Amino acid sequence: MREKSSAQKLKLGIFVISGLVLFIIGIYLIGNQQSMFGSNVKVYASFNNISGLKTGNNVRFSGLNIGTVTNIQMIDDSTIIIAMAIAKDASRHIRKGATAAIGTDGLVGNMIINIIPGDHASAPLMDGDTITSYRKISTEDMLSTLNVTNENAALLTADLLKITRAINAGEGPFSVLIKDKASADDLSLAIKNFRLTSASALRIMQHTDALILSLNQKNGMVSVLNDSITSNHIKNVALQLDQTSSKLNEAVSDLQTTMAKIKNGKGTLDYLVNDTTLAFNVNTTMNKVDGTLDQLHLASLKLNENLEALKHNFLFRGYFKKLEKEKAKEAGNR
C-alpha cells in the first residue's frame, strides 16, 4: 500500500509540476504578445470613432506587431483617447509625424491600430507623445454612398426612359428634328453657314491686326505707300471686308425670313410653334435666336463702318475710287 501510495504521489507531483510549467509558459507567451514584459513606451492617439476597438488589440507599424492597446478613455461625445504600449526598440523607428488609423486584421478579423510612417526629418517618438490620427472610410460609409448612387441612377434611368418614350411617340423638338429631314437639313445648313462666316470674320480680323501693326511701326506709312506687296495685301483685305459684309447681310436676311415663317405658322417647323406642350421651350429658343440675329446684325454694321472708314482713309481712297469706276464701267458695258 505504501509503494502504491508513493507512486501515486510521484505521478501527482509530476502532473502538477508539468501543469505549472505549461501555465508559466502560457503566461509568458501571452504577456510577451501583450507587451507586458520588457521596456515599453506609452503613446496616445485621439479618435472620434474607434469602430469597436478594444483593450488588448494589437498595434502595428509597417505590418509588424509592436504593441497593444492598453486603455480607452472617452473624453466627450466626439473625442476618444487611445493609450498604446509600444516596444521601446520599435519606437526608435517611429517619428512624431507618424499617423494612427484604425483598421481590421484581415476581412473579418479583430480591430487593430496601424501606425503609418511620417516625415523622416522629424524627431523620434517619445514616451507620452500624442500622434495624429485619421478615420478611414468604413464599410458602412461605402454602403451608404453606394445606396445613394443607386437611387440617383434609378431616377436618372427613369428620366431617360421618359425622354426616349416621348421621342418615340413624336413629342418634343428632338423628335421633330429626328423624324423631319427638312428641319434637320435646315439646322445643319444654318450651323454650316455660321461656321463659314465665323472663319471668314476671323481671317479678316487677323489681316486687319497685321495691317494696324505695320502702320504703327516706324516709317509704316512710307513702307505701305512704297511697297507694292503691302498695297496688294491692303486691297485684298478691303475686298474681303466688302464680301464678308455682303455675306453677313444675306445671312441675317435669310434668318429673319425663316423666323418670320416660323412665327407665321409656315414651313416644317410649324409643329414646334403650335404645340402647346413645347411653348415654353420654343419661346426660350426664339429669344436666343433673336439675340444671335441681333449680334450678327451689329457685327454686320461694325464691318460696314470699318469698310466705310477705310474708304475715307487717304491710303485707300484712290483704290476705292478705282473700284467704283470699274463697277460703273462694267454697268455701262452691260
C-alpha atoms as a PDB file:
ATOM      1  CA  MET A   1       0.000   0.000   0.000  1.00  0.00           C
ATOM      2  CA  ARG A   2       2.869   2.349   0.851  1.00  0.00           C
ATOM      3  CA  GLU A   3       4.588   1.655  -2.504  1.00  0.00           C
ATOM      4  CA  LYS A   4       1.303   2.297  -4.307  1.00  0.00           C
ATOM      5  CA  SER A   5       0.731   5.485  -2.383  1.00  0.00           C
ATOM      6  CA  SER A   6       4.256   6.738  -3.145  1.00  0.00           C
ATOM      7  CA  ALA A   7       3.826   6.025  -6.865  1.00  0.00           C
ATOM      8  CA  GLN A   8       0.552   7.926  -6.924  1.00  0.00           C
ATOM      9  CA  LYS A   9       2.136  10.879  -5.136  1.00  0.00           C
ATOM     10  CA  LEU A  10       5.021  10.853  -7.616  1.00  0.00           C
ATOM     11  CA  LYS A  11       2.619  10.862 -10.571  1.00  0.00           C
ATOM     12  CA  LEU A  12       0.573  13.616  -8.980  1.00  0.00           C
ATOM     13  CA  GLY A  13       3.689  15.689  -8.377  1.00  0.00           C
ATOM     14  CA  ILE A  14       4.863  15.261 -11.960  1.00  0.00           C
ATOM     15  CA  PHE A  15       1.389  16.257 -13.226  1.00  0.00           C
ATOM     16  CA  VAL A  16       1.260  19.351 -11.017  1.00  0.00           C
ATOM     17  CA  ILE A  17       4.767  20.436 -11.986  1.00  0.00           C
ATOM     18  CA  SER A  18       4.022  19.913 -15.703  1.00  0.00           C
ATOM     19  CA  GLY A  19       0.815  21.905 -15.431  1.00  0.00           C
ATOM     20  CA  LEU A  20       2.609  24.683 -13.579  1.00  0.00           C
ATOM     21  CA  VAL A  21       5.343  24.818 -16.244  1.00  0.00           C
ATOM     22  CA  LEU A  22       2.758  24.955 -19.029  1.00  0.00           C
ATOM     23  CA  PHE A  23       0.876  27.686 -17.153  1.00  0.00           C
ATOM     24  CA  ILE A  24       4.050  29.750 -16.747  1.00  0.00           C
ATOM     25  CA  ILE A  25       4.930  29.291 -20.427  1.00  0.00           C
ATOM     26  CA  GLY A  26       1.404  30.338 -21.441  1.00  0.00           C
ATOM     27  CA  ILE A  27       1.542  33.393 -19.194  1.00  0.00           C
ATOM     28  CA  TYR A  28       4.898  34.350 -20.657  1.00  0.00           C
ATOM     29  CA  LEU A  29       3.714  33.948 -24.246  1.00  0.00           C
ATOM     30  CA  ILE A  30       0.534  35.919 -23.633  1.00  0.00           C
ATOM     31  CA  GLY A  31       2.410  38.582 -21.704  1.00  0.00           C
ATOM     32  CA  ASN A  32       5.039  38.833 -24.403  1.00  0.00           C
ATOM     33  CA  GLN A  33       2.338  39.196 -27.043  1.00  0.00           C
ATOM     34  CA  GLN A  34       0.577  41.850 -24.972  1.00  0.00           C
ATOM     35  CA  SER A  35       3.875  43.668 -24.314  1.00  0.00           C
ATOM     36  CA  MET A  36       3.606  43.044 -20.565  1.00  0.00           C
ATOM     37  CA  PHE A  37       7.273  42.214 -20.249  1.00  0.00           C
ATOM     38  CA  GLY A  38      10.114  44.337 -21.471  1.00  0.00           C
ATOM     39  CA  SER A  39      10.523  48.070 -21.793  1.00  0.00           C
ATOM     40  CA  ASN A  40       7.582  49.907 -23.374  1.00  0.00           C
ATOM     41  CA  VAL A  41       6.750  53.435 -24.450  1.00  0.00           C
ATOM     42  CA  LYS A  42       3.252  54.771 -23.845  1.00  0.00           C
ATOM     43  CA  VAL A  43       1.810  56.712 -26.783  1.00  0.00           C
ATOM     44  CA  TYR A  44      -1.626  58.311 -27.241  1.00  0.00           C
ATOM     45  CA  ALA A  45      -3.928  58.970 -30.175  1.00  0.00           C
ATOM     46  CA  SER A  46      -7.298  60.734 -30.384  1.00  0.00           C
ATOM     47  CA  PHE A  47     -10.256  59.423 -32.428  1.00  0.00           C
ATOM     48  CA  ASN A  48     -13.912  60.367 -32.795  1.00  0.00           C
ATOM     49  CA  ASN A  49     -14.944  56.782 -33.635  1.00  0.00           C
ATOM     50  CA  ILE A  50     -12.969  53.671 -32.672  1.00  0.00           C
ATOM     51  CA  SER A  51     -15.175  51.226 -34.663  1.00  0.00           C
ATOM     52  CA  GLY A  52     -15.245  48.523 -31.963  1.00  0.00           C
ATOM     53  CA  LEU A  53     -11.579  48.718 -30.927  1.00  0.00           C
ATOM     54  CA  LYS A  54     -10.938  47.026 -27.570  1.00  0.00           C
ATOM     55  CA  THR A  55      -8.240  46.960 -24.944  1.00  0.00           C
ATOM     56  CA  GLY A  56      -5.628  44.367 -25.849  1.00  0.00           C
ATOM     57  CA  ASN A  57      -5.904  44.776 -29.626  1.00  0.00           C
ATOM     58  CA  ASN A  58      -2.630  44.895 -31.495  1.00  0.00           C
ATOM     59  CA  VAL A  59      -0.744  47.962 -32.692  1.00  0.00           C
ATOM     60  CA  ARG A  60       1.115  47.554 -35.981  1.00  0.00           C
ATOM     61  CA  PHE A  61       3.830  49.553 -37.657  1.00  0.00           C
ATOM     62  CA  SER A  62       4.650  48.715 -41.279  1.00  0.00           C
ATOM     63  CA  GLY A  63       2.884  45.348 -40.833  1.00  0.00           C
ATOM     64  CA  LEU A  64       4.730  44.362 -37.625  1.00  0.00           C
ATOM     65  CA  ASN A  65       3.072  43.946 -34.227  1.00  0.00           C
ATOM     66  CA  ILE A  66       4.907  46.415 -31.990  1.00  0.00           C
ATOM     67  CA  GLY A  67       2.460  46.878 -29.118  1.00  0.00           C
ATOM     68  CA  THR A  68      -1.081  46.716 -27.799  1.00  0.00           C
ATOM     69  CA  VAL A  69      -3.938  48.986 -26.788  1.00  0.00           C
ATOM     70  CA  THR A  70      -3.761  49.439 -23.017  1.00  0.00           C
ATOM     71  CA  ASN A  71      -6.561  51.883 -22.273  1.00  0.00           C
ATOM     72  CA  ILE A  72      -9.575  53.522 -23.937  1.00  0.00           C
ATOM     73  CA  GLN A  73     -10.981  56.698 -22.405  1.00  0.00           C
ATOM     74  CA  MET A  74     -13.918  58.767 -23.668  1.00  0.00           C
ATOM     75  CA  ILE A  75     -13.331  62.479 -23.119  1.00  0.00           C
ATOM     76  CA  ASP A  76     -16.573  63.785 -24.655  1.00  0.00           C
ATOM     77  CA  ASP A  77     -19.113  62.825 -27.303  1.00  0.00           C
ATOM     78  CA  SER A  78     -16.612  63.363 -30.136  1.00  0.00           C
ATOM     79  CA  THR A  79     -13.210  62.598 -28.577  1.00  0.00           C
ATOM     80  CA  ILE A  80     -11.852  59.205 -27.508  1.00  0.00           C
ATOM     81  CA  ILE A  81      -8.266  58.871 -26.282  1.00  0.00           C
ATOM     82  CA  ILE A  82      -6.466  55.590 -27.020  1.00  0.00           C
ATOM     83  CA  ALA A  83      -3.402  54.647 -24.942  1.00  0.00           C
ATOM     84  CA  MET A  84      -0.912  52.287 -26.597  1.00  0.00           C
ATOM     85  CA  ALA A  85       2.075  50.431 -25.168  1.00  0.00           C
ATOM     86  CA  ILE A  86       4.753  50.220 -27.861  1.00  0.00           C
ATOM     87  CA  ALA A  87       8.011  48.307 -27.581  1.00  0.00           C
ATOM     88  CA  LYS A  88      10.874  50.678 -26.912  1.00  0.00           C
ATOM     89  CA  ASP A  89      13.060  49.073 -29.563  1.00  0.00           C
ATOM     90  CA  ALA A  90      10.357  49.678 -32.189  1.00  0.00           C
ATOM     91  CA  SER A  91       9.581  53.220 -31.012  1.00  0.00           C
ATOM     92  CA  ARG A  92      13.053  54.341 -32.119  1.00  0.00           C
ATOM     93  CA  HIS A  93      11.941  53.876 -35.737  1.00  0.00           C
ATOM     94  CA  ILE A  94       8.682  55.813 -35.348  1.00  0.00           C
ATOM     95  CA  ARG A  95       8.738  59.579 -35.875  1.00  0.00           C
ATOM     96  CA  LYS A  96       6.487  62.176 -34.298  1.00  0.00           C
ATOM     97  CA  GLY A  97       4.987  62.876 -37.700  1.00  0.00           C
ATOM     98  CA  ALA A  98       3.508  59.356 -37.877  1.00  0.00           C
ATOM     99  CA  THR A  99      -0.243  58.863 -38.217  1.00  0.00           C
ATOM    100  CA  ALA A 100      -2.507  56.325 -36.489  1.00  0.00           C
ATOM    101  CA  ALA A 101      -5.506  54.745 -38.201  1.00  0.00           C
ATOM    102  CA  ILE A 102      -7.962  52.081 -37.073  1.00  0.00           C
ATOM    103  CA  GLY A 103      -8.243  49.044 -39.346  1.00  0.00           C
ATOM    104  CA  THR A 104      -9.102  45.344 -39.288  1.00  0.00           C
ATOM    105  CA  ASP A 105      -6.872  42.290 -39.120  1.00  0.00           C
ATOM    106  CA  GLY A 106      -7.974  40.853 -42.462  1.00  0.00           C
ATOM    107  CA  LEU A 107     -11.515  40.999 -43.796  1.00  0.00           C
ATOM    108  CA  VAL A 108     -13.313  39.794 -40.650  1.00  0.00           C
ATOM    109  CA  GLY A 109     -10.527  39.938 -38.049  1.00  0.00           C
ATOM    110  CA  ASN A 110     -10.154  41.970 -34.880  1.00  0.00           C
ATOM    111  CA  MET A 111      -9.743  45.719 -34.938  1.00  0.00           C
ATOM    112  CA  ILE A 112      -6.150  46.962 -34.845  1.00  0.00           C
ATOM    113  CA  ILE A 113      -4.306  50.271 -34.923  1.00  0.00           C
ATOM    114  CA  ASN A 114      -1.987  50.816 -37.865  1.00  0.00           C
ATOM    115  CA  ILE A 115       0.755  53.402 -37.438  1.00  0.00           C
ATOM    116  CA  ILE A 116       1.759  54.906 -40.772  1.00  0.00           C
ATOM    117  CA  PRO A 117       5.320  56.288 -41.020  1.00  0.00           C
ATOM    118  CA  GLY A 118       5.649  60.059 -41.154  1.00  0.00           C
ATOM    119  CA  ASP A 119       8.319  62.549 -42.093  1.00  0.00           C
ATOM    120  CA  HIS A 120      11.791  61.083 -41.526  1.00  0.00           C
ATOM    121  CA  ALA A 121      13.125  64.536 -40.671  1.00  0.00           C
ATOM    122  CA  SER A 122      11.003  64.772 -37.503  1.00  0.00           C
ATOM    123  CA  ALA A 123      12.207  63.627 -34.075  1.00  0.00           C
ATOM    124  CA  PRO A 124      11.757  60.056 -32.792  1.00  0.00           C
ATOM    125  CA  LEU A 125       8.627  59.197 -30.812  1.00  0.00           C
ATOM    126  CA  MET A 126       8.997  59.656 -27.058  1.00  0.00           C
ATOM    127  CA  ASP A 127       7.100  58.369 -24.031  1.00  0.00           C
ATOM    128  CA  GLY A 128       3.838  60.304 -23.529  1.00  0.00           C
ATOM    129  CA  ASP A 129       3.682  61.726 -27.063  1.00  0.00           C
ATOM    130  CA  THR A 130       0.387  62.034 -28.943  1.00  0.00           C
ATOM    131  CA  ILE A 131       0.358  61.232 -32.646  1.00  0.00           C
ATOM    132  CA  THR A 132      -2.154  62.454 -35.187  1.00  0.00           C
ATOM    133  CA  SER A 133      -4.919  60.189 -36.407  1.00  0.00           C
ATOM    134  CA  TYR A 134      -7.421  59.946 -39.199  1.00  0.00           C
ATOM    135  CA  ARG A 135     -10.508  57.862 -39.796  1.00  0.00           C
ATOM    136  CA  LYS A 136     -10.650  55.633 -42.836  1.00  0.00           C
ATOM    137  CA  ILE A 137     -13.837  55.229 -44.830  1.00  0.00           C
ATOM    138  CA  SER A 138     -15.741  52.405 -43.214  1.00  0.00           C
ATOM    139  CA  THR A 139     -17.807  49.731 -44.909  1.00  0.00           C
ATOM    140  CA  GLU A 140     -20.975  51.393 -43.631  1.00  0.00           C
ATOM    141  CA  ASP A 141     -19.973  54.695 -45.253  1.00  0.00           C
ATOM    142  CA  MET A 142     -19.252  52.976 -48.573  1.00  0.00           C
ATOM    143  CA  LEU A 143     -22.557  51.103 -48.480  1.00  0.00           C
ATOM    144  CA  SER A 144     -24.420  54.319 -47.665  1.00  0.00           C
ATOM    145  CA  THR A 145     -22.737  56.158 -50.550  1.00  0.00           C
ATOM    146  CA  LEU A 146     -23.425  53.243 -52.880  1.00  0.00           C
ATOM    147  CA  ASN A 147     -27.080  53.269 -51.841  1.00  0.00           C
ATOM    148  CA  VAL A 148     -27.405  56.985 -52.675  1.00  0.00           C
ATOM    149  CA  THR A 149     -25.651  56.406 -56.006  1.00  0.00           C
ATOM    150  CA  ASN A 150     -28.022  53.566 -56.860  1.00  0.00           C
ATOM    151  CA  GLU A 151     -31.033  55.750 -56.052  1.00  0.00           C
ATOM    152  CA  ASN A 152     -29.721  58.554 -58.270  1.00  0.00           C
ATOM    153  CA  ALA A 153     -29.006  56.067 -61.060  1.00  0.00           C
ATOM    154  CA  ALA A 154     -32.560  54.740 -60.801  1.00  0.00           C
ATOM    155  CA  LEU A 155     -34.012  58.266 -61.052  1.00  0.00           C
ATOM    156  CA  LEU A 156     -31.756  59.072 -63.999  1.00  0.00           C
ATOM    157  CA  THR A 157     -32.760  55.866 -65.763  1.00  0.00           C
ATOM    158  CA  ALA A 158     -36.444  56.679 -65.235  1.00  0.00           C
ATOM    159  CA  ASP A 159     -35.976  60.183 -66.682  1.00  0.00           C
ATOM    160  CA  LEU A 160     -34.085  58.824 -69.695  1.00  0.00           C
ATOM    161  CA  LEU A 161     -36.853  56.283 -70.247  1.00  0.00           C
ATOM    162  CA  LYS A 162     -39.473  59.064 -70.237  1.00  0.00           C
ATOM    163  CA  ILE A 163     -37.448  61.112 -72.724  1.00  0.00           C
ATOM    164  CA  THR A 164     -36.949  58.098 -75.002  1.00  0.00           C
ATOM    165  CA  ARG A 165     -40.658  57.272 -74.935  1.00  0.00           C
ATOM    166  CA  ALA A 166     -41.557  60.895 -75.699  1.00  0.00           C
ATOM    167  CA  ILE A 167     -39.168  60.941 -78.674  1.00  0.00           C
ATOM    168  CA  ASN A 168     -40.545  57.644 -79.980  1.00  0.00           C
ATOM    169  CA  ALA A 169     -44.095  58.996 -79.581  1.00  0.00           C
ATOM    170  CA  GLY A 170     -43.272  62.070 -81.682  1.00  0.00           C
ATOM    171  CA  GLU A 171     -43.310  64.581 -78.818  1.00  0.00           C
ATOM    172  CA  GLY A 172     -40.863  67.418 -78.350  1.00  0.00           C
ATOM    173  CA  PRO A 173     -38.449  69.251 -80.644  1.00  0.00           C
ATOM    174  CA  PHE A 174     -35.897  66.432 -80.685  1.00  0.00           C
ATOM    175  CA  SER A 175     -38.464  64.092 -82.177  1.00  0.00           C
ATOM    176  CA  VAL A 176     -39.209  66.627 -84.914  1.00  0.00           C
ATOM    177  CA  LEU A 177     -35.509  67.047 -85.715  1.00  0.00           C
ATOM    178  CA  ILE A 178     -35.013  63.287 -85.838  1.00  0.00           C
ATOM    179  CA  LYS A 179     -38.070  62.446 -87.927  1.00  0.00           C
ATOM    180  CA  ASP A 180     -38.346  65.588 -90.073  1.00  0.00           C
ATOM    181  CA  LYS A 181     -35.458  65.510 -92.547  1.00  0.00           C
ATOM    182  CA  ALA A 182     -36.179  69.029 -93.807  1.00  0.00           C
ATOM    183  CA  SER A 183     -35.815  70.528 -90.324  1.00  0.00           C
ATOM    184  CA  ALA A 184     -32.608  68.622 -89.736  1.00  0.00           C
ATOM    185  CA  ASP A 185     -31.209  69.812 -93.071  1.00  0.00           C
ATOM    186  CA  ASP A 186     -32.146  73.430 -92.277  1.00  0.00           C
ATOM    187  CA  LEU A 187     -30.426  73.236 -88.914  1.00  0.00           C
ATOM    188  CA  SER A 188     -27.315  71.646 -90.428  1.00  0.00           C
ATOM    189  CA  LEU A 189     -27.169  74.318 -93.134  1.00  0.00           C
ATOM    190  CA  ALA A 190     -27.541  77.130 -90.597  1.00  0.00           C
ATOM    191  CA  ILE A 191     -24.715  75.722 -88.475  1.00  0.00           C
ATOM    192  CA  LYS A 192     -22.516  75.358 -91.547  1.00  0.00           C
ATOM    193  CA  ASN A 193     -23.188  78.959 -92.589  1.00  0.00           C
ATOM    194  CA  PHE A 194     -22.371  80.238 -89.107  1.00  0.00           C
ATOM    195  CA  ARG A 195     -19.114  78.275 -89.140  1.00  0.00           C
ATOM    196  CA  LEU A 196     -18.080  79.651 -92.527  1.00  0.00           C
ATOM    197  CA  THR A 197     -18.991  83.206 -91.536  1.00  0.00           C
ATOM    198  CA  SER A 198     -17.045  82.937 -88.285  1.00  0.00           C
ATOM    199  CA  ALA A 199     -13.974  81.601 -90.094  1.00  0.00           C
ATOM    200  CA  SER A 200     -14.165  84.404 -92.648  1.00  0.00           C
ATOM    201  CA  ALA A 201     -14.521  87.053 -89.944  1.00  0.00           C
ATOM    202  CA  LEU A 202     -11.544  85.585 -88.084  1.00  0.00           C
ATOM    203  CA  ARG A 203      -9.343  85.761 -91.169  1.00  0.00           C
ATOM    204  CA  ILE A 204     -10.344  89.380 -91.753  1.00  0.00           C
ATOM    205  CA  MET A 205      -9.580  90.302 -88.156  1.00  0.00           C
ATOM    206  CA  GLN A 206      -6.148  88.695 -88.446  1.00  0.00           C
ATOM    207  CA  HIS A 207      -5.398  90.637 -91.637  1.00  0.00           C
ATOM    208  CA  THR A 208      -6.637  93.850 -90.015  1.00  0.00           C
ATOM    209  CA  ASP A 209      -4.451  93.306 -86.944  1.00  0.00           C
ATOM    210  CA  ALA A 210      -1.413  92.751 -89.161  1.00  0.00           C
ATOM    211  CA  LEU A 211      -2.223  95.925 -91.103  1.00  0.00           C
ATOM    212  CA  ILE A 212      -2.611  98.040 -87.960  1.00  0.00           C
ATOM    213  CA  LEU A 213       0.654  96.640 -86.586  1.00  0.00           C
ATOM    214  CA  SER A 214       2.509  97.563 -89.757  1.00  0.00           C
ATOM    215  CA  LEU A 215       1.038 101.094 -89.701  1.00  0.00           C
ATOM    216  CA  ASN A 216       2.057 101.613 -86.075  1.00  0.00           C
ATOM    217  CA  GLN A 217       5.661 100.687 -86.759  1.00  0.00           C
ATOM    218  CA  LYS A 218       8.304 103.300 -87.553  1.00  0.00           C
ATOM    219  CA  ASN A 219       8.075 104.558 -91.164  1.00  0.00           C
ATOM    220  CA  GLY A 220       4.961 102.403 -91.519  1.00  0.00           C
ATOM    221  CA  MET A 221       3.106 104.883 -93.748  1.00  0.00           C
ATOM    222  CA  VAL A 222       6.019 105.223 -96.162  1.00  0.00           C
ATOM    223  CA  SER A 223       6.553 101.461 -96.392  1.00  0.00           C
ATOM    224  CA  VAL A 224       2.847 100.900 -97.070  1.00  0.00           C
ATOM    225  CA  LEU A 225       2.807 103.513 -99.843  1.00  0.00           C
ATOM    226  CA  ASN A 226       6.034 102.301-101.482  1.00  0.00           C
ATOM    227  CA  ASP A 227       5.665  98.516-101.033  1.00  0.00           C
ATOM    228  CA  SER A 228       3.579  97.031-103.860  1.00  0.00           C
ATOM    229  CA  ILE A 229       3.107  93.742-101.954  1.00  0.00           C
ATOM    230  CA  THR A 230       1.664  95.537 -98.936  1.00  0.00           C
ATOM    231  CA  SER A 231      -0.552  97.623-101.210  1.00  0.00           C
ATOM    232  CA  ASN A 232      -1.973  94.498-102.824  1.00  0.00           C
ATOM    233  CA  HIS A 233      -2.442  92.993 -99.360  1.00  0.00           C
ATOM    234  CA  ILE A 234      -4.469  96.050 -98.302  1.00  0.00           C
ATOM    235  CA  LYS A 235      -6.605  95.776-101.429  1.00  0.00           C
ATOM    236  CA  ASN A 236      -7.330  92.115-100.638  1.00  0.00           C
ATOM    237  CA  VAL A 237      -8.298  92.984 -97.055  1.00  0.00           C
ATOM    238  CA  ALA A 238     -10.692  95.686 -98.241  1.00  0.00           C
ATOM    239  CA  LEU A 239     -12.227  93.323-100.791  1.00  0.00           C
ATOM    240  CA  GLN A 240     -12.681  90.607 -98.165  1.00  0.00           C
ATOM    241  CA  LEU A 241     -14.326  93.124 -95.829  1.00  0.00           C
ATOM    242  CA  ASP A 242     -16.777  94.047 -98.554  1.00  0.00           C
ATOM    243  CA  GLN A 243     -17.558  90.396 -99.370  1.00  0.00           C
ATOM    244  CA  THR A 244     -17.966  89.416 -95.715  1.00  0.00           C
ATOM    245  CA  SER A 245     -20.291  92.352 -95.097  1.00  0.00           C
ATOM    246  CA  SER A 246     -22.460  91.224 -98.004  1.00  0.00           C
ATOM    247  CA  LYS A 247     -22.485  87.626 -96.716  1.00  0.00           C
ATOM    248  CA  LEU A 248     -23.476  88.741 -93.233  1.00  0.00           C
ATOM    249  CA  ASN A 249     -26.305  90.860 -94.629  1.00  0.00           C
ATOM    250  CA  GLU A 250     -27.549  87.891 -96.685  1.00  0.00           C
ATOM    251  CA  ALA A 251     -27.318  85.547 -93.674  1.00  0.00           C
ATOM    252  CA  VAL A 252     -29.240  87.985 -91.464  1.00  0.00           C
ATOM    253  CA  SER A 253     -31.888  88.437 -94.160  1.00  0.00           C
ATOM    254  CA  ASP A 254     -32.293  84.654 -94.627  1.00  0.00           C
ATOM    255  CA  LEU A 255     -32.551  84.041 -90.894  1.00  0.00           C
ATOM    256  CA  GLN A 256     -35.095  86.845 -90.474  1.00  0.00           C
ATOM    257  CA  THR A 257     -37.183  85.374 -93.305  1.00  0.00           C
ATOM    258  CA  THR A 258     -37.020  81.921 -91.712  1.00  0.00           C
ATOM    259  CA  MET A 259     -38.003  83.308 -88.314  1.00  0.00           C
ATOM    260  CA  ALA A 260     -40.929  85.156 -89.860  1.00  0.00           C
ATOM    261  CA  LYS A 261     -42.155  81.934 -91.491  1.00  0.00           C
ATOM    262  CA  ILE A 262     -41.861  80.063 -88.205  1.00  0.00           C
ATOM    263  CA  LYS A 263     -43.750  82.756 -86.283  1.00  0.00           C
ATOM    264  CA  ASN A 264     -46.475  82.915 -89.002  1.00  0.00           C
ATOM    265  CA  GLY A 265     -47.069  79.158 -88.874  1.00  0.00           C
ATOM    266  CA  LYS A 266     -45.394  78.321 -92.187  1.00  0.00           C
ATOM    267  CA  GLY A 267     -42.877  75.649 -93.029  1.00  0.00           C
ATOM    268  CA  THR A 268     -41.908  72.346 -91.476  1.00  0.00           C
ATOM    269  CA  LEU A 269     -41.292  73.849 -88.031  1.00  0.00           C
ATOM    270  CA  ASP A 270     -44.951  74.920 -87.549  1.00  0.00           C
ATOM    271  CA  TYR A 271     -45.423  71.887 -85.319  1.00  0.00           C
ATOM    272  CA  LEU A 272     -42.855  73.231 -82.854  1.00  0.00           C
ATOM    273  CA  VAL A 273     -44.570  76.625 -82.628  1.00  0.00           C
ATOM    274  CA  ASN A 274     -48.193  75.405 -82.310  1.00  0.00           C
ATOM    275  CA  ASP A 275     -47.504  72.578 -79.862  1.00  0.00           C
ATOM    276  CA  THR A 276     -48.716  73.949 -76.511  1.00  0.00           C
ATOM    277  CA  THR A 277     -46.691  71.426 -74.523  1.00  0.00           C
ATOM    278  CA  LEU A 278     -43.500  72.917 -76.003  1.00  0.00           C
ATOM    279  CA  ALA A 279     -44.433  76.611 -75.900  1.00  0.00           C
ATOM    280  CA  PHE A 280     -42.056  77.490 -73.113  1.00  0.00           C
ATOM    281  CA  ASN A 281     -39.071  75.694 -74.670  1.00  0.00           C
ATOM    282  CA  VAL A 282     -39.761  77.168 -78.125  1.00  0.00           C
ATOM    283  CA  ASN A 283     -40.114  80.715 -76.764  1.00  0.00           C
ATOM    284  CA  THR A 284     -36.766  80.340 -74.989  1.00  0.00           C
ATOM    285  CA  THR A 285     -35.164  79.103 -78.195  1.00  0.00           C
ATOM    286  CA  MET A 286     -36.692  82.003 -80.172  1.00  0.00           C
ATOM    287  CA  ASN A 287     -35.284  84.523 -77.732  1.00  0.00           C
ATOM    288  CA  LYS A 288     -31.807  83.008 -78.065  1.00  0.00           C
ATOM    289  CA  VAL A 289     -32.051  83.023 -81.885  1.00  0.00           C
ATOM    290  CA  ASP A 290     -33.265  86.646 -81.881  1.00  0.00           C
ATOM    291  CA  GLY A 291     -30.305  87.558 -79.696  1.00  0.00           C
ATOM    292  CA  THR A 292     -27.976  85.815 -82.132  1.00  0.00           C
ATOM    293  CA  LEU A 293     -29.554  87.715 -85.043  1.00  0.00           C
ATOM    294  CA  ASP A 294     -29.078  90.999 -83.235  1.00  0.00           C
ATOM    295  CA  GLN A 295     -25.417  90.173 -82.629  1.00  0.00           C
ATOM    296  CA  LEU A 296     -24.938  89.257 -86.285  1.00  0.00           C
ATOM    297  CA  HIS A 297     -26.652  92.480 -87.349  1.00  0.00           C
ATOM    298  CA  LEU A 298     -24.391  94.503 -85.055  1.00  0.00           C
ATOM    299  CA  ALA A 299     -21.347  92.671 -86.427  1.00  0.00           C
ATOM    300  CA  SER A 300     -22.501  93.492 -89.956  1.00  0.00           C
ATOM    301  CA  LEU A 301     -22.947  97.166 -89.051  1.00  0.00           C
ATOM    302  CA  LYS A 302     -19.480  97.276 -87.475  1.00  0.00           C
ATOM    303  CA  LEU A 303     -17.940  95.723 -90.576  1.00  0.00           C
ATOM    304  CA  ASN A 304     -19.769  98.256 -92.756  1.00  0.00           C
ATOM    305  CA  GLU A 305     -18.478 101.070 -90.538  1.00  0.00           C
ATOM    306  CA  ASN A 306     -14.926  99.719 -90.788  1.00  0.00           C
ATOM    307  CA  LEU A 307     -15.259  99.451 -94.564  1.00  0.00           C
ATOM    308  CA  GLU A 308     -16.637 102.989 -94.791  1.00  0.00           C
ATOM    309  CA  ALA A 309     -13.762 104.252 -92.629  1.00  0.00           C
ATOM    310  CA  LEU A 310     -11.277 102.566 -94.926  1.00  0.00           C
ATOM    311  CA  LYS A 311     -12.929 104.209 -97.913  1.00  0.00           C
ATOM    312  CA  HIS A 312     -12.352 107.664 -96.401  1.00  0.00           C
ATOM    313  CA  ASN A 313      -8.769 106.900 -95.405  1.00  0.00           C
ATOM    314  CA  PHE A 314      -6.287 108.684 -97.647  1.00  0.00           C
ATOM    315  CA  LEU A 315      -4.325 105.440 -98.031  1.00  0.00           C
ATOM    316  CA  PHE A 316      -7.248 103.578 -99.622  1.00  0.00           C
ATOM    317  CA  ARG A 317      -9.234 106.457-101.157  1.00  0.00           C
ATOM    318  CA  GLY A 318      -7.672 106.007-104.574  1.00  0.00           C
ATOM    319  CA  TYR A 319      -8.204 102.280-104.546  1.00  0.00           C
ATOM    320  CA  PHE A 320     -11.939 102.531-103.755  1.00  0.00           C
ATOM    321  CA  LYS A 321     -12.417 105.270-106.361  1.00  0.00           C
ATOM    322  CA  LYS A 322     -10.792 102.953-108.865  1.00  0.00           C
ATOM    323  CA  LEU A 323     -13.181 100.146-107.835  1.00  0.00           C
ATOM    324  CA  GLU A 324     -16.204 102.442-108.244  1.00  0.00           C
ATOM    325  CA  LYS A 325     -15.029 103.499-111.711  1.00  0.00           C
ATOM    326  CA  GLU A 326     -14.568  99.858-112.732  1.00  0.00           C
ATOM    327  CA  LYS A 327     -18.044  98.956-111.416  1.00  0.00           C
ATOM    328  CA  ALA A 328     -19.579 101.916-113.250  1.00  0.00           C
ATOM    329  CA  LYS A 329     -17.722 100.938-116.428  1.00  0.00           C
ATOM    330  CA  GLU A 330     -18.945  97.326-116.171  1.00  0.00           C
ATOM    331  CA  ALA A 331     -22.514  98.539-115.569  1.00  0.00           C
ATOM    332  CA  GLY A 332     -22.242 100.788-118.674  1.00  0.00           C
ATOM    333  CA  ASN A 333     -20.975  97.909-120.820  1.00  0.00           C
ATOM    334  CA  ARG A 334     -23.927  95.799-119.757  1.00  0.00           C
END
